[in-house]
Amino acid sequence: VVREARAFREKQGVNVQLGCRVEGIDPGKGL
């Protein structure tokens, strides 16, 4: 492991959501 999710959240402010499976995209609504 080069960098854990916590480091991205705390040091760069990236909202990393683990255990979340994206199942679809709605390009028209931007969702």
PDB file of all heavy atoms in Angstrom:
ATOM      1  N   VAL A   1       0.848  -1.188   0.000  1.00  0.00           N
ATOM      2  CA  VAL A   1       0.000   0.000   0.000  1.00  0.00           C
ATOM      3  C   VAL A   1       0.885   1.241   0.000  1.00  0.00           C
ATOM      4  O   VAL A   1       1.705   1.438   0.896  1.00  0.00           O
ATOM      5  CB  VAL A   1      -0.942   0.018   1.222  1.00  0.00           C
ATOM      6  CG1 VAL A   1      -1.710   1.331   1.290  1.00  0.00           C
ATOM      7  CG2 VAL A   1      -1.905  -1.155   1.154  1.00  0.00           C
ATOM      8  N   VAL A   2       0.741   2.067  -1.015  1.00  0.00           N
ATOM      9  CA  VAL A   2       1.540   3.291  -1.134  1.00  0.00           C
ATOM     10  C   VAL A   2       0.964   4.387  -0.261  1.00  0.00           C
ATOM     11  O   VAL A   2       1.689   5.113   0.424  1.00  0.00           O
ATOM     12  CB  VAL A   2       1.592   3.750  -2.604  1.00  0.00           C
ATOM     13  CG1 VAL A   2       2.375   5.059  -2.742  1.00  0.00           C
ATOM     14  CG2 VAL A   2       2.208   2.672  -3.478  1.00  0.00           C
ATOM     15  N   ARG A   3      -0.355   4.491  -0.267  1.00  0.00           N
ATOM     16  CA  ARG A   3      -1.012   5.542   0.503  1.00  0.00           C
ATOM     17  C   ARG A   3      -2.424   5.080   0.852  1.00  0.00           C
ATOM     18  O   ARG A   3      -3.143   4.582  -0.016  1.00  0.00           O
ATOM     19  CB  ARG A   3      -1.079   6.828  -0.323  1.00  0.00           C
ATOM     20  CG  ARG A   3      -1.174   8.085   0.501  1.00  0.00           C
ATOM     21  CD  ARG A   3      -1.061   9.293  -0.409  1.00  0.00           C
ATOM     22  NE  ARG A   3      -0.971  10.501   0.355  1.00  0.00           N
ATOM     23  CZ  ARG A   3      -1.215  11.719  -0.125  1.00  0.00           C
ATOM     24  NH1 ARG A   3      -1.564  11.847  -1.400  1.00  0.00           N
ATOM     25  NH2 ARG A   3      -1.110  12.791   0.612  1.00  0.00           N
ATOM     26  N   GLU A   4      -2.803   5.241   2.107  1.00  0.00           N
ATOM     27  CA  GLU A   4      -4.135   4.816   2.535  1.00  0.00           C
ATOM     28  C   GLU A   4      -5.153   5.920   2.286  1.00  0.00           C
ATOM     29  O   GLU A   4      -4.806   7.100   2.131  1.00  0.00           O
ATOM     30  CB  GLU A   4      -4.111   4.426   4.007  1.00  0.00           C
ATOM     31  CG  GLU A   4      -3.250   3.200   4.283  1.00  0.00           C
ATOM     32  CD  GLU A   4      -3.339   2.754   5.736  1.00  0.00           C
ATOM     33  OE1 GLU A   4      -3.913   3.515   6.548  1.00  0.00           O
ATOM     34  OE2 GLU A   4      -2.821   1.673   6.037  1.00  0.00           O
ATOM     35  N   ALA A   5      -6.411   5.516   2.253  1.00  0.00           N
ATOM     36  CA  ALA A   5      -7.499   6.472   1.983  1.00  0.00           C
ATOM     37  C   ALA A   5      -7.490   7.635   2.976  1.00  0.00           C
ATOM     38  O   ALA A   5      -7.759   8.783   2.605  1.00  0.00           O
ATOM     39  CB  ALA A   5      -8.840   5.743   2.021  1.00  0.00           C
ATOM     40  N   ARG A   6      -7.149   7.330   4.229  1.00  0.00           N
ATOM     41  CA  ARG A   6      -7.139   8.371   5.262  1.00  0.00           C
ATOM     42  C   ARG A   6      -6.185   9.510   4.895  1.00  0.00           C
ATOM     43  O   ARG A   6      -6.478  10.687   5.130  1.00  0.00           O
ATOM     44  CB  ARG A   6      -6.725   7.751   6.598  1.00  0.00           C
ATOM     45  CG  ARG A   6      -6.708   8.740   7.760  1.00  0.00           C
ATOM     46  CD  ARG A   6      -6.246   8.091   9.052  1.00  0.00           C
ATOM     47  NE  ARG A   6      -4.821   7.752   8.998  1.00  0.00           N
ATOM     48  CZ  ARG A   6      -4.359   6.526   8.870  1.00  0.00           C
ATOM     49  NH1 ARG A   6      -5.197   5.495   8.755  1.00  0.00           N
ATOM     50  NH2 ARG A   6      -3.057   6.287   8.837  1.00  0.00           N
ATOM     51  N   ALA A   7      -5.039   9.166   4.301  1.00  0.00           N
ATOM     52  CA  ALA A   7      -4.061  10.188   3.936  1.00  0.00           C
ATOM     53  C   ALA A   7      -4.604  11.113   2.859  1.00  0.00           C
ATOM     54  O   ALA A   7      -4.348  12.328   2.882  1.00  0.00           O
ATOM     55  CB  ALA A   7      -2.773   9.526   3.467  1.00  0.00           C
ATOM     56  N   PHE A   8      -5.348  10.566   1.894  1.00  0.00           N
ATOM     57  CA  PHE A   8      -5.936  11.413   0.863  1.00  0.00           C
ATOM     58  C   PHE A   8      -6.971  12.359   1.472  1.00  0.00           C
ATOM     59  O   PHE A   8      -7.071  13.520   1.068  1.00  0.00           O
ATOM     60  CB  PHE A   8      -6.590  10.549  -0.216  1.00  0.00           C
ATOM     61  CG  PHE A   8      -5.608   9.888  -1.144  1.00  0.00           C
ATOM     62  CD1 PHE A   8      -5.207   8.577  -0.938  1.00  0.00           C
ATOM     63  CD2 PHE A   8      -5.081  10.580  -2.221  1.00  0.00           C
ATOM     64  CE1 PHE A   8      -4.306   7.963  -1.789  1.00  0.00           C
ATOM     65  CE2 PHE A   8      -4.181   9.976  -3.088  1.00  0.00           C
ATOM     66  CZ  PHE A   8      -3.784   8.665  -2.865  1.00  0.00           C
ATOM     67  N   ARG A   9      -7.730  11.852   2.439  1.00  0.00           N
ATOM     68  CA  ARG A   9      -8.755  12.696   3.075  1.00  0.00           C
ATOM     69  C   ARG A   9      -8.110  13.812   3.890  1.00  0.00           C
ATOM     70  O   ARG A   9      -8.479  14.986   3.773  1.00  0.00           O
ATOM     71  CB  ARG A   9      -9.649  11.849   3.983  1.00  0.00           C
ATOM     72  CG  ARG A   9     -10.469  10.785   3.273  1.00  0.00           C
ATOM     73  CD  ARG A   9     -11.456  10.150   4.248  1.00  0.00           C
ATOM     74  NE  ARG A   9     -12.080   8.950   3.720  1.00  0.00           N
ATOM     75  CZ  ARG A   9     -11.801   7.711   4.116  1.00  0.00           C
ATOM     76  NH1 ARG A   9     -10.885   7.519   5.083  1.00  0.00           N
ATOM     77  NH2 ARG A   9     -12.418   6.678   3.585  1.00  0.00           N
ATOM     78  N   GLU A  10      -7.143  13.435   4.739  1.00  0.00           N
ATOM     79  CA  GLU A  10      -6.596  14.378   5.703  1.00  0.00           C
ATOM     80  C   GLU A  10      -5.605  15.351   5.089  1.00  0.00           C
ATOM     81  O   GLU A  10      -5.567  16.525   5.476  1.00  0.00           O
ATOM     82  CB  GLU A  10      -5.923  13.605   6.848  1.00  0.00           C
ATOM     83  CG  GLU A  10      -6.905  12.771   7.662  1.00  0.00           C
ATOM     84  CD  GLU A  10      -6.203  11.904   8.708  1.00  0.00           C
ATOM     85  OE1 GLU A  10      -4.957  11.890   8.737  1.00  0.00           O
ATOM     86  OE2 GLU A  10      -6.914  11.247   9.497  1.00  0.00           O
ATOM     87  N   LYS A  11      -4.781  14.887   4.139  1.00  0.00           N
ATOM     88  CA  LYS A  11      -3.718  15.738   3.611  1.00  0.00           C
ATOM     89  C   LYS A  11      -4.124  16.521   2.378  1.00  0.00           C
ATOM     90  O   LYS A  11      -3.565  17.578   2.097  1.00  0.00           O
ATOM     91  CB  LYS A  11      -2.478  14.905   3.312  1.00  0.00           C
ATOM     92  CG  LYS A  11      -1.844  14.292   4.560  1.00  0.00           C
ATOM     93  CD  LYS A  11      -0.581  13.520   4.219  1.00  0.00           C
ATOM     94  CE  LYS A  11       0.062  12.951   5.479  1.00  0.00           C
ATOM     95  NZ  LYS A  11       1.315  12.200   5.175  1.00  0.00           N
ATOM     96  N   GLN A  12      -5.090  15.988   1.621  1.00  0.00           N
ATOM     97  CA  GLN A  12      -5.456  16.666   0.375  1.00  0.00           C
ATOM     98  C   GLN A  12      -6.924  17.045   0.283  1.00  0.00           C
ATOM     99  O   GLN A  12      -7.317  17.712  -0.673  1.00  0.00           O
ATOM    100  CB  GLN A  12      -5.086  15.778  -0.817  1.00  0.00           C
ATOM    101  CG  GLN A  12      -3.583  15.628  -1.010  1.00  0.00           C
ATOM    102  CD  GLN A  12      -3.262  14.780  -2.227  1.00  0.00           C
ATOM    103  OE1 GLN A  12      -3.377  13.562  -2.185  1.00  0.00           O
ATOM    104  NE2 GLN A  12      -2.865  15.431  -3.311  1.00  0.00           N
ATOM    105  N   GLY A  13      -7.708  16.614   1.234  1.00  0.00           N
ATOM    106  CA  GLY A  13      -9.124  16.965   1.207  1.00  0.00           C
ATOM    107  C   GLY A  13      -9.921  16.227   0.156  1.00  0.00           C
ATOM    108  O   GLY A  13     -10.971  16.715  -0.284  1.00  0.00           O
ATOM    109  N   VAL A  14      -9.440  15.050  -0.240  1.00  0.00           N
ATOM    110  CA  VAL A  14     -10.188  14.231  -1.192  1.00  0.00           C
ATOM    111  C   VAL A  14     -11.191  13.378  -0.425  1.00  0.00           C
ATOM    112  O   VAL A  14     -10.825  12.679   0.528  1.00  0.00           O
ATOM    113  CB  VAL A  14      -9.241  13.329  -2.006  1.00  0.00           C
ATOM    114  CG1 VAL A  14     -10.041  12.414  -2.939  1.00  0.00           C
ATOM    115  CG2 VAL A  14      -8.243  14.157  -2.791  1.00  0.00           C
ATOM    116  N   ASN A  15     -12.435  13.444  -0.834  1.00  0.00           N
ATOM    117  CA  ASN A  15     -13.496  12.690  -0.165  1.00  0.00           C
ATOM    118  C   ASN A  15     -13.515  11.261  -0.716  1.00  0.00           C
ATOM    119  O   ASN A  15     -14.169  10.977  -1.720  1.00  0.00           O
ATOM    120  CB  ASN A  15     -14.843  13.384  -0.393  1.00  0.00           C
ATOM    121  CG  ASN A  15     -15.993  12.644   0.282  1.00  0.00           C
ATOM    122  OD1 ASN A  15     -15.792  11.836   1.188  1.00  0.00           O
ATOM    123  ND2 ASN A  15     -17.206  12.913  -0.175  1.00  0.00           N
ATOM    124  N   VAL A  16     -12.774  10.364  -0.084  1.00  0.00           N
ATOM    125  CA  VAL A  16     -12.686   8.982  -0.532  1.00  0.00           C
ATOM    126  C   VAL A  16     -13.748   8.152   0.176  1.00  0.00           C
ATOM    127  O   VAL A  16     -13.757   8.044   1.403  1.00  0.00           O
ATOM    128  CB  VAL A  16     -11.293   8.385  -0.255  1.00  0.00           C
ATOM    129  CG1 VAL A  16     -11.204   6.971  -0.813  1.00  0.00           C
ATOM    130  CG2 VAL A  16     -10.199   9.261  -0.853  1.00  0.00           C
ATOM    131  N   GLN A  17     -14.636   7.567  -0.611  1.00  0.00           N
ATOM    132  CA  GLN A  17     -15.722   6.750  -0.076  1.00  0.00           C
ATOM    133  C   GLN A  17     -15.459   5.292  -0.421  1.00  0.00           C
ATOM    134  O   GLN A  17     -15.559   4.891  -1.584  1.00  0.00           O
ATOM    135  CB  GLN A  17     -17.060   7.204  -0.662  1.00  0.00           C
ATOM    136  CG  GLN A  17     -17.448   8.632  -0.330  1.00  0.00           C
ATOM    137  CD  GLN A  17     -17.786   8.780   1.149  1.00  0.00           C
ATOM    138  OE1 GLN A  17     -18.486   7.950   1.730  1.00  0.00           O
ATOM    139  NE2 GLN A  17     -17.281   9.839   1.758  1.00  0.00           N
ATOM    140  N   LEU A  18     -15.098   4.486   0.584  1.00  0.00           N
ATOM    141  CA  LEU A  18     -14.793   3.073   0.360  1.00  0.00           C
ATOM    142  C   LEU A  18     -16.051   2.224   0.490  1.00  0.00           C
ATOM    143  O   LEU A  18     -17.015   2.614   1.146  1.00  0.00           O
ATOM    144  CB  LEU A  18     -13.735   2.611   1.357  1.00  0.00           C
ATOM    145  CG  LEU A  18     -12.396   3.363   1.341  1.00  0.00           C
ATOM    146  CD1 LEU A  18     -11.467   2.808   2.409  1.00  0.00           C
ATOM    147  CD2 LEU A  18     -11.756   3.288  -0.028  1.00  0.00           C
ATOM    148  N   GLY A  19     -16.023   1.053  -0.134  1.00  0.00           N
ATOM    149  CA  GLY A  19     -17.168   0.147  -0.054  1.00  0.00           C
ATOM    150  C   GLY A  19     -18.396   0.686  -0.752  1.00  0.00           C
ATOM    151  O   GLY A  19     -19.519   0.328  -0.382  1.00  0.00           O
ATOM    152  N   CYS A  20     -18.188   1.515  -1.760  1.00  0.00           N
ATOM    153  CA  CYS A  20     -19.311   2.146  -2.476  1.00  0.00           C
ATOM    154  C   CYS A  20     -19.234   1.781  -3.956  1.00  0.00           C
ATOM    155  O   CYS A  20     -18.300   2.204  -4.661  1.00  0.00           O
ATOM    156  CB  CYS A  20     -19.270   3.663  -2.317  1.00  0.00           C
ATOM    157  SG  CYS A  20     -19.567   4.234  -0.627  1.00  0.00           S
ATOM    158  N   ARG A  21     -20.199   1.030  -4.403  1.00  0.00           N
ATOM    159  CA  ARG A  21     -20.222   0.588  -5.798  1.00  0.00           C
ATOM    160  C   ARG A  21     -21.159   1.465  -6.619  1.00  0.00           C
ATOM    161  O   ARG A  21     -22.371   1.514  -6.364  1.00  0.00           O
ATOM    162  CB  ARG A  21     -20.683  -0.860  -5.876  1.00  0.00           C
ATOM    163  CG  ARG A  21     -20.771  -1.403  -7.299  1.00  0.00           C
ATOM    164  CD  ARG A  21     -21.251  -2.846  -7.336  1.00  0.00           C
ATOM    165  NE  ARG A  21     -21.389  -3.343  -8.687  1.00  0.00           N
ATOM    166  CZ  ARG A  21     -20.399  -3.815  -9.428  1.00  0.00           C
ATOM    167  NH1 ARG A  21     -19.182  -3.860  -8.916  1.00  0.00           N
ATOM    168  NH2 ARG A  21     -20.600  -4.239 -10.656  1.00  0.00           N
ATOM    169  N   VAL A  22     -20.595   2.187  -7.591  1.00  0.00           N
ATOM    170  CA  VAL A  22     -21.412   2.981  -8.507  1.00  0.00           C
ATOM    171  C   VAL A  22     -22.047   2.029  -9.507  1.00  0.00           C
ATOM    172  O   VAL A  22     -21.369   1.235 -10.162  1.00  0.00           O
ATOM    173  CB  VAL A  22     -20.560   4.040  -9.233  1.00  0.00           C
ATOM    174  CG1 VAL A  22     -21.376   4.725 -10.327  1.00  0.00           C
ATOM    175  CG2 VAL A  22     -20.050   5.070  -8.233  1.00  0.00           C
ATOM    176  N   GLU A  23     -23.370   2.097  -9.634  1.00  0.00           N
ATOM    177  CA  GLU A  23     -24.096   1.175 -10.500  1.00  0.00           C
ATOM    178  C   GLU A  23     -24.648   1.822 -11.753  1.00  0.00           C
ATOM    179  O   GLU A  23     -25.122   1.115 -12.649  1.00  0.00           O
ATOM    180  CB  GLU A  23     -25.226   0.509  -9.709  1.00  0.00           C
ATOM    181  CG  GLU A  23     -24.710  -0.359  -8.558  1.00  0.00           C
ATOM    182  CD  GLU A  23     -25.816  -1.152  -7.893  1.00  0.00           C
ATOM    183  OE1 GLU A  23     -26.938  -0.606  -7.778  1.00  0.00           O
ATOM    184  OE2 GLU A  23     -25.569  -2.306  -7.510  1.00  0.00           O
ATOM    185  N   GLY A  24     -24.601   3.145 -11.817  1.00  0.00           N
ATOM    186  CA  GLY A  24     -25.125   3.796 -13.004  1.00  0.00           C
ATOM    187  C   GLY A  24     -24.761   5.263 -13.081  1.00  0.00           C
ATOM    188  O   GLY A  24     -24.380   5.883 -12.073  1.00  0.00           O
ATOM    189  N   ILE A  25     -24.864   5.797 -14.293  1.00  0.00           N
ATOM    190  CA  ILE A  25     -24.592   7.208 -14.565  1.00  0.00           C
ATOM    191  C   ILE A  25     -25.789   7.781 -15.306  1.00  0.00           C
ATOM    192  O   ILE A  25     -26.333   7.132 -16.203  1.00  0.00           O
ATOM    193  CB  ILE A  25     -23.340   7.374 -15.456  1.00  0.00           C
ATOM    194  CG1 ILE A  25     -22.129   6.656 -14.851  1.00  0.00           C
ATOM    195  CG2 ILE A  25     -23.032   8.842 -15.691  1.00  0.00           C
ATOM    196  CD1 ILE A  25     -20.986   6.517 -15.862  1.00  0.00           C
ATOM    197  N   ASP A  26     -26.178   9.000 -14.960  1.00  0.00           N
ATOM    198  CA  ASP A  26     -27.184   9.738 -15.718  1.00  0.00           C
ATOM    199  C   ASP A  26     -26.499  10.976 -16.285  1.00  0.00           C
ATOM    200  O   ASP A  26     -26.438  12.017 -15.620  1.00  0.00           O
ATOM    201  CB  ASP A  26     -28.357  10.141 -14.813  1.00  0.00           C
ATOM    202  CG  ASP A  26     -29.506  10.762 -15.597  1.00  0.00           C
ATOM    203  OD1 ASP A  26     -29.245  11.330 -16.678  1.00  0.00           O
ATOM    204  OD2 ASP A  26     -30.655  10.682 -15.137  1.00  0.00           O
ATOM    205  N   PRO A  27     -25.932  10.875 -17.502  1.00  0.00           N
ATOM    206  CA  PRO A  27     -25.195  12.017 -18.064  1.00  0.00           C
ATOM    207  C   PRO A  27     -26.055  13.262 -18.233  1.00  0.00           C
ATOM    208  O   PRO A  27     -25.553  14.380 -18.108  1.00  0.00           O
ATOM    209  CB  PRO A  27     -24.700  11.495 -19.419  1.00  0.00           C
ATOM    210  CG  PRO A  27     -24.717  10.001 -19.292  1.00  0.00           C
ATOM    211  CD  PRO A  27     -25.886   9.705 -18.408  1.00  0.00           C
ATOM    212  N   GLY A  28     -27.352  13.070 -18.528  1.00  0.00           N
ATOM    213  CA  GLY A  28     -28.231  14.216 -18.714  1.00  0.00           C
ATOM    214  C   GLY A  28     -28.383  15.043 -17.456  1.00  0.00           C
ATOM    215  O   GLY A  28     -28.390  16.275 -17.501  1.00  0.00           O
ATOM    216  N   LYS A  29     -28.475  14.370 -16.316  1.00  0.00           N
ATOM    217  CA  LYS A  29     -28.631  15.068 -15.037  1.00  0.00           C
ATOM    218  C   LYS A  29     -27.294  15.295 -14.324  1.00  0.00           C
ATOM    219  O   LYS A  29     -27.259  15.986 -13.303  1.00  0.00           O
ATOM    220  CB  LYS A  29     -29.560  14.268 -14.122  1.00  0.00           C
ATOM    221  CG  LYS A  29     -30.997  14.159 -14.626  1.00  0.00           C
ATOM    222  CD  LYS A  29     -31.845  13.360 -13.648  1.00  0.00           C
ATOM    223  CE  LYS A  29     -33.289  13.273 -14.128  1.00  0.00           C
ATOM    224  NZ  LYS A  29     -34.142  12.468 -13.203  1.00  0.00           N
ATOM    225  N   GLY A  30     -26.233  14.695 -14.847  1.00  0.00           N
ATOM    226  CA  GLY A  30     -24.943  14.829 -14.183  1.00  0.00           C
ATOM    227  C   GLY A  30     -24.935  14.137 -12.835  1.00  0.00           C
ATOM    228  O   GLY A  30     -24.517  14.713 -11.835  1.00  0.00           O
ATOM    229  N   LEU A  31     -25.391  12.880 -12.829  1.00  0.00           N
ATOM    230  CA  LEU A  31     -25.502  12.121 -11.577  1.00  0.00           C
ATOM    231  C   LEU A  31     -24.832  10.761 -11.702  1.00  0.00           C
ATOM    232  O   LEU A  31     -24.859  10.134 -12.768  1.00  0.00           O
ATOM    233  CB  LEU A  31     -26.974  11.889 -11.220  1.00  0.00           C
ATOM    234  CG  LEU A  31     -27.801  13.034 -10.648  1.00  0.00           C
ATOM    235  CD1 LEU A  31     -29.254  12.578 -10.511  1.00  0.00           C
ATOM    236  CD2 LEU A  31     -27.259  13.455  -9.287  1.00  0.00           C
TER     237      LEU A  31
END
